[in-house]
Amino acid sequence: MHIDDVPAMGDWKTAWDHIAFDGFLGSRMILQTIWQGCDSALAAPLVLDLARLLARAHERGIAGPLPELGFYFKDPDGGPAGLSEQYAALLAFGERLRGER
C-alpha cells in the first residue's frame, strides 16, 4: 500500500484504484483506474432518490422519521446499524411503497 500527500482539491475527489489479477497464461496483471468527481455532482442522484421516495411516502400517508432510509446516510438515526440490513430495509420499504397503490 502506498499513500501520497495530495494538496486539498476542495469539493473534487480523486480515487486511484489498482486491481491485481492473474491474466493470460497466469501472468500477473494490474488494472489501474483514476476517477475524479465533484462531491455535489455525486450526491445529486442520491438526493433525487430521497426526494422521490419521500414524495411517494407522503402520497401514501406515511410521515415522520423513516429509518428505512438509513442506507442513504453516513450515521443514520434509528433503524438497523449494518449496511446490509439497511439495504434490506430500503428494499422492503420500496416494495411497501410500490405495493400500496
Protein backbone atom coordinates (compact mmCIF):
# COMPACT_ATOMS: atom_id res chain seq x y z
CA MET A 1 0.00 0.00 0.00
CA HIS A 2 1.19 3.49 -0.81
CA ILE A 3 -0.34 6.79 0.27
CA ASP A 4 0.72 10.11 -1.23
CA ASP A 5 0.08 13.51 0.32
CA VAL A 6 -2.06 15.34 -2.22
CA PRO A 7 -2.94 19.03 -1.85
CA ALA A 8 -6.57 19.75 -0.98
CA MET A 9 -8.85 19.83 -4.01
CA GLY A 10 -11.92 21.32 -2.35
CA ASP A 11 -15.10 19.57 -3.45
CA TRP A 12 -13.27 17.50 -6.06
CA LYS A 13 -12.29 13.98 -5.04
CA THR A 14 -9.91 11.65 -6.83
CA ALA A 15 -9.62 7.89 -6.40
CA TRP A 16 -6.82 5.72 -7.75
CA ASP A 17 -7.60 2.01 -7.91
CA HIS A 18 -5.13 -0.77 -8.64
CA ILE A 19 -6.62 -4.22 -9.16
CA ALA A 20 -4.09 -7.05 -9.39
CA PHE A 21 -5.14 -10.31 -11.05
CA ASP A 22 -3.80 -13.33 -12.89
CA GLY A 23 -4.20 -12.75 -16.62
CA PHE A 24 -3.41 -14.68 -19.77
CA LEU A 25 -1.42 -17.87 -19.07
CA GLY A 26 -1.17 -16.90 -15.40
CA SER A 27 0.80 -13.71 -15.98
CA ARG A 28 0.39 -11.13 -13.24
CA MET A 29 -1.57 -8.10 -14.44
CA ILE A 30 -2.78 -4.86 -12.89
CA LEU A 31 -5.77 -2.79 -13.92
CA GLN A 32 -5.38 0.85 -12.89
CA THR A 33 -8.17 3.40 -12.90
CA ILE A 34 -8.26 7.04 -11.91
CA TRP A 35 -11.61 8.57 -11.17
CA GLN A 36 -12.38 12.18 -10.31
CA GLY A 37 -15.70 13.75 -9.42
CA CYS A 38 -17.29 16.67 -7.61
CA ASP A 39 -18.96 15.88 -4.29
CA SER A 40 -22.16 17.75 -5.13
CA ALA A 41 -22.47 16.01 -8.50
CA LEU A 42 -22.01 12.66 -6.82
CA ALA A 43 -24.62 13.43 -4.16
CA ALA A 44 -27.26 14.86 -6.51
CA PRO A 45 -28.68 11.48 -7.66
CA LEU A 46 -28.94 10.35 -4.03
CA VAL A 47 -30.85 13.49 -3.09
CA LEU A 48 -33.20 12.95 -6.04
CA ASP A 49 -33.81 9.34 -4.92
CA LEU A 50 -34.58 10.53 -1.40
CA ALA A 51 -36.96 13.21 -2.68
CA ARG A 52 -38.82 10.69 -4.84
CA LEU A 53 -39.09 8.17 -2.00
CA LEU A 54 -40.31 10.82 0.42
CA ALA A 55 -42.86 12.12 -2.10
CA ARG A 56 -44.16 8.62 -2.65
CA ALA A 57 -44.35 8.00 1.11
CA HIS A 58 -46.23 11.28 1.52
CA GLU A 59 -48.71 10.19 -1.20
CA ARG A 60 -49.34 7.03 0.80
CA GLY A 61 -49.84 8.92 4.08
CA ILE A 62 -46.53 7.82 5.57
CA ALA A 63 -44.92 10.57 7.64
CA GLY A 64 -42.43 11.07 10.44
CA PRO A 65 -38.97 9.56 10.82
CA LEU A 66 -38.19 6.92 8.21
CA PRO A 67 -35.41 4.66 9.50
CA GLU A 68 -35.88 2.62 6.30
CA LEU A 69 -33.91 5.36 4.51
CA GLY A 70 -30.86 4.93 6.78
CA PHE A 71 -28.92 3.41 3.86
CA TYR A 72 -28.53 6.92 2.41
CA PHE A 73 -26.82 8.38 5.47
CA LYS A 74 -23.35 8.02 6.97
CA ASP A 75 -24.64 7.84 10.55
CA PRO A 76 -28.39 7.12 10.45
CA ASP A 77 -30.53 7.80 13.49
CA GLY A 78 -32.56 4.70 14.25
CA GLY A 79 -33.12 1.61 12.16
CA PRO A 80 -30.60 -1.13 11.50
CA ALA A 81 -26.90 -0.41 12.08
CA GLY A 82 -25.36 -2.72 9.48
CA LEU A 83 -25.15 -1.68 5.83
CA SER A 84 -26.64 -4.94 4.51
CA GLU A 85 -29.55 -4.65 6.96
CA GLN A 86 -30.06 -1.01 5.94
CA TYR A 87 -30.15 -2.04 2.29
CA ALA A 88 -32.67 -4.81 3.04
CA ALA A 89 -34.84 -2.28 4.93
CA LEU A 90 -34.65 0.12 1.96
CA LEU A 91 -35.70 -2.61 -0.49
CA ALA A 92 -38.58 -3.66 1.76
CA PHE A 93 -39.67 -0.01 2.04
CA GLY A 94 -39.59 0.31 -1.75
CA GLU A 95 -41.77 -2.78 -2.07
CA ARG A 96 -44.13 -1.34 0.54
CA LEU A 97 -44.42 1.92 -1.37
CA ARG A 98 -44.92 0.12 -4.65
CA GLY A 99 -47.49 -2.29 -3.24
CA GLU A 100 -49.76 0.35 -1.74
CA ARG A 101 -51.22 1.70 -4.99
